[in-house]
C-alpha atoms as a PDB file:
ATOM      1  CA  MET A   1       0.016   0.004  -0.012  1.00  0.00           C
ATOM      2  CA  ALA A   2       1.326   3.401  -0.974  1.00  0.00           C
ATOM      3  CA  LYS A   3       2.259   5.803   1.811  1.00  0.00           C
ATOM      4  CA  THR A   4       0.287   8.977   2.326  1.00  0.00           C
ATOM      5  CA  VAL A   5       1.447  12.380   3.517  1.00  0.00           C
ATOM      6  CA  ALA A   6      -0.135  11.667   6.912  1.00  0.00           C
ATOM      7  CA  ASP A   7       2.093   8.569   7.301  1.00  0.00           C
ATOM      8  CA  VAL A   8       5.320  10.562   7.286  1.00  0.00           C
ATOM      9  CA  MET A   9       4.498  14.181   8.070  1.00  0.00           C
ATOM     10  CA  THR A  10       5.519  15.876  11.328  1.00  0.00           C
ATOM     11  CA  CYS A  11       2.445  16.379  13.444  1.00  0.00           C
ATOM     12  CA  ASP A  12       2.025  19.494  15.575  1.00  0.00           C
ATOM     13  CA  PRO A  13       4.827  21.535  13.968  1.00  0.00           C
ATOM     14  CA  ILE A  14       6.257  24.595  15.707  1.00  0.00           C
ATOM     15  CA  THR A  15       4.349  27.666  14.427  1.00  0.00           C
ATOM     16  CA  VAL A  16       4.667  31.426  14.667  1.00  0.00           C
ATOM     17  CA  LYS A  17       2.350  34.383  14.261  1.00  0.00           C
ATOM     18  CA  PRO A  18       2.834  37.357  11.824  1.00  0.00           C
ATOM     19  CA  GLU A  19       3.662  39.622  14.748  1.00  0.00           C
ATOM     20  CA  THR A  20       6.438  37.348  16.058  1.00  0.00           C
ATOM     21  CA  PRO A  21       9.811  39.181  16.119  1.00  0.00           C
ATOM     22  CA  LEU A  22      12.315  37.894  13.636  1.00  0.00           C
ATOM     23  CA  ALA A  23      14.964  37.544  16.365  1.00  0.00           C
ATOM     24  CA  GLU A  24      12.789  34.916  17.989  1.00  0.00           C
ATOM     25  CA  VAL A  25      12.267  33.034  14.737  1.00  0.00           C
ATOM     26  CA  ILE A  26      15.999  33.083  13.964  1.00  0.00           C
ATOM     27  CA  LYS A  27      16.773  31.617  17.375  1.00  0.00           C
ATOM     28  CA  THR A  28      14.074  28.891  17.012  1.00  0.00           C
ATOM     29  CA  ILE A  29      15.257  27.893  13.524  1.00  0.00           C
ATOM     30  CA  ALA A  30      18.879  27.723  14.673  1.00  0.00           C
ATOM     31  CA  GLU A  31      18.189  25.830  17.901  1.00  0.00           C
ATOM     32  CA  LYS A  32      15.715  23.310  16.447  1.00  0.00           C
ATOM     33  CA  ARG A  33      17.760  22.891  13.278  1.00  0.00           C
ATOM     34  CA  ILE A  34      14.748  23.342  11.042  1.00  0.00           C
ATOM     35  CA  SER A  35      14.582  25.398   7.841  1.00  0.00           C
ATOM     36  CA  GLY A  36      11.148  27.016   8.110  1.00  0.00           C
ATOM     37  CA  LEU A  37       7.969  27.477  10.142  1.00  0.00           C
ATOM     38  CA  PRO A  38       4.235  27.754   9.271  1.00  0.00           C
ATOM     39  CA  VAL A  39       2.742  31.171  10.114  1.00  0.00           C
ATOM     40  CA  LEU A  40      -0.710  31.182  11.629  1.00  0.00           C
ATOM     41  CA  ASP A  41      -3.084  34.096  12.236  1.00  0.00           C
ATOM     42  CA  GLU A  42      -5.040  34.670  15.476  1.00  0.00           C
ATOM     43  CA  ALA A  43      -7.742  32.242  14.308  1.00  0.00           C
ATOM     44  CA  GLY A  44      -5.142  29.577  13.729  1.00  0.00           C
ATOM     45  CA  LYS A  45      -5.424  29.824   9.903  1.00  0.00           C
ATOM     46  CA  LEU A  46      -2.291  29.257   7.819  1.00  0.00           C
ATOM     47  CA  VAL A  47      -1.240  32.614   6.310  1.00  0.00           C
ATOM     48  CA  GLY A  48       2.327  31.969   5.256  1.00  0.00           C
ATOM     49  CA  ILE A  49       5.704  30.322   5.733  1.00  0.00           C
ATOM     50  CA  ILE A  50       8.859  31.841   7.151  1.00  0.00           C
ATOM     51  CA  SER A  51      11.960  30.119   5.871  1.00  0.00           C
ATOM     52  CA  GLU A  52      15.736  30.459   5.955  1.00  0.00           C
ATOM     53  CA  THR A  53      15.443  31.954   2.495  1.00  0.00           C
ATOM     54  CA  ASP A  54      13.161  34.727   3.728  1.00  0.00           C
ATOM     55  CA  LEU A  55      15.553  35.446   6.630  1.00  0.00           C
ATOM     56  CA  MET A  56      18.579  35.639   4.311  1.00  0.00           C
ATOM     57  CA  TRP A  57      17.302  38.976   2.993  1.00  0.00           C
ATOM     58  CA  ARG A  58      18.570  40.544   6.237  1.00  0.00           C
ATOM     59  CA  GLU A  59      22.104  39.841   5.180  1.00  0.00           C
ATOM     60  CA  THR A  60      21.832  40.947   1.589  1.00  0.00           C
ATOM     61  CA  ASN A  61      22.720  44.304   0.144  1.00  0.00           C
ATOM     62  CA  VAL A  62      19.560  45.301  -1.618  1.00  0.00           C
ATOM     63  CA  THR A  63      20.402  47.627  -4.418  1.00  0.00           C
ATOM     64  CA  PRO A  64      18.063  49.960  -6.259  1.00  0.00           C
ATOM     65  CA  PRO A  65      17.153  48.943  -9.828  1.00  0.00           C
ATOM     66  CA  ALA A  66      19.266  50.199 -12.705  1.00  0.00           C
ATOM     67  CA  TYR A  67      17.830  53.118 -14.686  1.00  0.00           C
ATOM     68  CA  ILE A  68      18.604  55.517 -17.421  1.00  0.00           C
ATOM     69  CA  MET A  69      17.621  59.143 -17.799  1.00  0.00           C
ATOM     70  CA  VAL A  70      16.032  60.290 -21.034  1.00  0.00           C
ATOM     71  CA  LEU A  71      14.824  63.895 -21.302  1.00  0.00           C
ATOM     72  CA  ASP A  72      14.162  64.272 -17.611  1.00  0.00           C
ATOM     73  CA  SER A  73      12.389  60.942 -17.439  1.00  0.00           C
ATOM     74  CA  VAL A  74      13.562  57.928 -15.447  1.00  0.00           C
ATOM     75  CA  ILE A  75      13.343  54.582 -17.260  1.00  0.00           C
ATOM     76  CA  TYR A  76      13.886  51.640 -14.978  1.00  0.00           C
ATOM     77  CA  LEU A  77      15.722  48.705 -16.480  1.00  0.00           C
ATOM     78  CA  GLU A  78      14.294  46.425 -13.785  1.00  0.00           C
ATOM     79  CA  ASN A  79      10.991  46.350 -11.961  1.00  0.00           C
ATOM     80  CA  PRO A  80      11.112  49.067  -9.248  1.00  0.00           C
ATOM     81  CA  GLY A  81       8.250  47.288  -7.418  1.00  0.00           C
ATOM     82  CA  ARG A  82      10.472  44.239  -6.892  1.00  0.00           C
ATOM     83  CA  TYR A  83      13.098  46.492  -5.329  1.00  0.00           C
ATOM     84  CA  GLU A  84      10.512  47.836  -2.828  1.00  0.00           C
ATOM     85  CA  LYS A  85       9.474  44.300  -1.945  1.00  0.00           C
ATOM     86  CA  ASP A  86      13.109  43.197  -1.535  1.00  0.00           C
ATOM     87  CA  LEU A  87      13.895  46.243   0.562  1.00  0.00           C
ATOM     88  CA  HIS A  88      10.834  45.636   2.753  1.00  0.00           C
ATOM     89  CA  LYS A  89      12.032  42.064   3.372  1.00  0.00           C
ATOM     90  CA  ALA A  90      15.586  43.184   4.139  1.00  0.00           C
ATOM     91  CA  LEU A  91      14.386  45.777   6.697  1.00  0.00           C
ATOM     92  CA  GLY A  92      11.511  43.768   8.238  1.00  0.00           C
ATOM     93  CA  GLN A  93      11.393  43.170  11.964  1.00  0.00           C
ATOM     94  CA  THR A  94       8.449  40.740  12.179  1.00  0.00           C
ATOM     95  CA  VAL A  95       7.488  37.495  10.544  1.00  0.00           C
ATOM     96  CA  GLY A  96       4.579  39.139   8.729  1.00  0.00           C
ATOM     97  CA  GLU A  97       6.928  41.610   7.030  1.00  0.00           C
ATOM     98  CA  VAL A  98       9.209  38.968   5.495  1.00  0.00           C
ATOM     99  CA  MET A  99       7.251  35.700   5.257  1.00  0.00           C
ATOM    100  CA  SER A 100       6.220  34.133   1.994  1.00  0.00           C
ATOM    101  CA  ASP A 101       2.426  34.327   1.859  1.00  0.00           C
ATOM    102  CA  HIS A 102       0.056  32.011  -0.062  1.00  0.00           C
ATOM    103  CA  PRO A 103       2.041  28.807   0.727  1.00  0.00           C
ATOM    104  CA  ILE A 104       1.551  25.717  -1.333  1.00  0.00           C
ATOM    105  CA  THR A 105      -0.264  23.145   0.798  1.00  0.00           C
ATOM    106  CA  ILE A 106      -1.235  19.486   0.628  1.00  0.00           C
ATOM    107  CA  ALA A 107      -3.920  17.304   2.289  1.00  0.00           C
ATOM    108  CA  PRO A 108      -2.892  14.503   4.679  1.00  0.00           C
ATOM    109  CA  GLU A 109      -4.588  11.793   2.577  1.00  0.00           C
ATOM    110  CA  GLN A 110      -2.635  12.594  -0.568  1.00  0.00           C
ATOM    111  CA  PRO A 111      -0.116  10.038  -1.765  1.00  0.00           C
ATOM    112  CA  LEU A 112       3.511  10.703  -0.655  1.00  0.00           C
ATOM    113  CA  SER A 113       4.548  10.389  -4.328  1.00  0.00           C
ATOM    114  CA  GLU A 114       2.288  13.302  -5.202  1.00  0.00           C
ATOM    115  CA  ALA A 115       3.741  15.427  -2.420  1.00  0.00           C
ATOM    116  CA  ALA A 116       7.343  14.633  -3.606  1.00  0.00           C
ATOM    117  CA  LYS A 117       6.390  15.601  -7.180  1.00  0.00           C
ATOM    118  CA  LEU A 118       4.797  18.868  -6.052  1.00  0.00           C
ATOM    119  CA  MET A 119       7.852  19.751  -3.905  1.00  0.00           C
ATOM    120  CA  HIS A 120      10.153  18.997  -6.791  1.00  0.00           C
ATOM    121  CA  ASP A 121       8.123  20.807  -9.465  1.00  0.00           C
ATOM    122  CA  ARG A 122       7.585  23.915  -7.272  1.00  0.00           C
ATOM    123  CA  SER A 123      11.080  23.853  -5.723  1.00  0.00           C
ATOM    124  CA  VAL A 124       9.815  23.976  -2.144  1.00  0.00           C
ATOM    125  CA  ASN A 125      11.454  22.353   0.853  1.00  0.00           C
ATOM    126  CA  ARG A 126       8.315  21.943   2.939  1.00  0.00           C
ATOM    127  CA  LEU A 127       4.561  21.621   2.515  1.00  0.00           C
ATOM    128  CA  PRO A 128       2.092  22.640   5.225  1.00  0.00           C
ATOM    129  CA  VAL A 129      -0.416  19.842   5.611  1.00  0.00           C
ATOM    130  CA  VAL A 130      -4.018  21.114   5.946  1.00  0.00           C
ATOM    131  CA  ASN A 131      -7.263  19.234   6.465  1.00  0.00           C
ATOM    132  CA  SER A 132     -10.562  19.831   4.652  1.00  0.00           C
ATOM    133  CA  SER A 133     -11.294  22.725   7.047  1.00  0.00           C
ATOM    134  CA  SER A 134      -8.003  24.354   6.029  1.00  0.00           C
ATOM    135  CA  ALA A 135      -6.599  23.794   9.536  1.00  0.00           C
ATOM    136  CA  LEU A 136      -2.875  23.044   9.827  1.00  0.00           C
ATOM    137  CA  VAL A 137      -2.402  19.431  10.869  1.00  0.00           C
ATOM    138  CA  GLY A 138       1.266  18.934  10.157  1.00  0.00           C
ATOM    139  CA  ILE A 139       4.188  19.746   7.909  1.00  0.00           C
ATOM    140  CA  LEU A 140       5.962  17.590   5.343  1.00  0.00           C
ATOM    141  CA  THR A 141       9.641  18.265   4.552  1.00  0.00           C
ATOM    142  CA  ARG A 142      12.001  16.825   2.066  1.00  0.00           C
ATOM    143  CA  GLY A 143      13.752  15.203   4.972  1.00  0.00           C
ATOM    144  CA  ASP A 144      10.564  13.421   5.969  1.00  0.00           C
ATOM    145  CA  ILE A 145      10.346  11.931   2.475  1.00  0.00           C
ATOM    146  CA  VAL A 146      13.998  10.871   2.387  1.00  0.00           C
ATOM    147  CA  ARG A 147      13.585   9.190   5.823  1.00  0.00           C
ATOM    148  CA  ALA A 148      10.511   7.366   4.576  1.00  0.00           C
ATOM    149  CA  MET A 149      12.545   6.163   1.530  1.00  0.00           C
ATOM    150  CA  ALA A 150      15.374   5.004   3.819  1.00  0.00           C
ATOM    151  CA  ALA A 151      12.906   3.089   6.026  1.00  0.00           C
ATOM    152  CA  GLU A 152      11.677   1.197   2.959  1.00  0.00           C
ATOM    153  CA  GLN A 153      15.250   0.086   2.238  1.00  0.00           C
ATOM    154  CA  ASP A 154      15.551  -1.726   5.613  1.00  0.00           C
END
């Protein structure tokens, strides 16, 4: 019988709220040796993911987009809106300011093979697992899948 997401996911993952200070998240991620956390609102609804990638913006040197001047007009060679978003992430102090919103999710009853394909195709390291009521019931990481594969080898 094929394994499902529920068979290998981590139940009751550590979560944070949008107003959680980034310093607290950085400490948790480092101490627990995890690469990201689901973000829940006051009602417990999944609103995003905060990952090491999101936190890396703090250490980058965000540079303004290149532009040229033509007859007193500024023509941006890159999207200036992207610069504003990148700058906001680099200067953010709370989870809500730097998290990735609209996370890709999966249901616990889905086959593990489908989750692996989704993670590969979308280049994500983790999938929040939500039930039919959209409540977070776990998290599935690439490590969970690899450990399940190793267990099958024994």
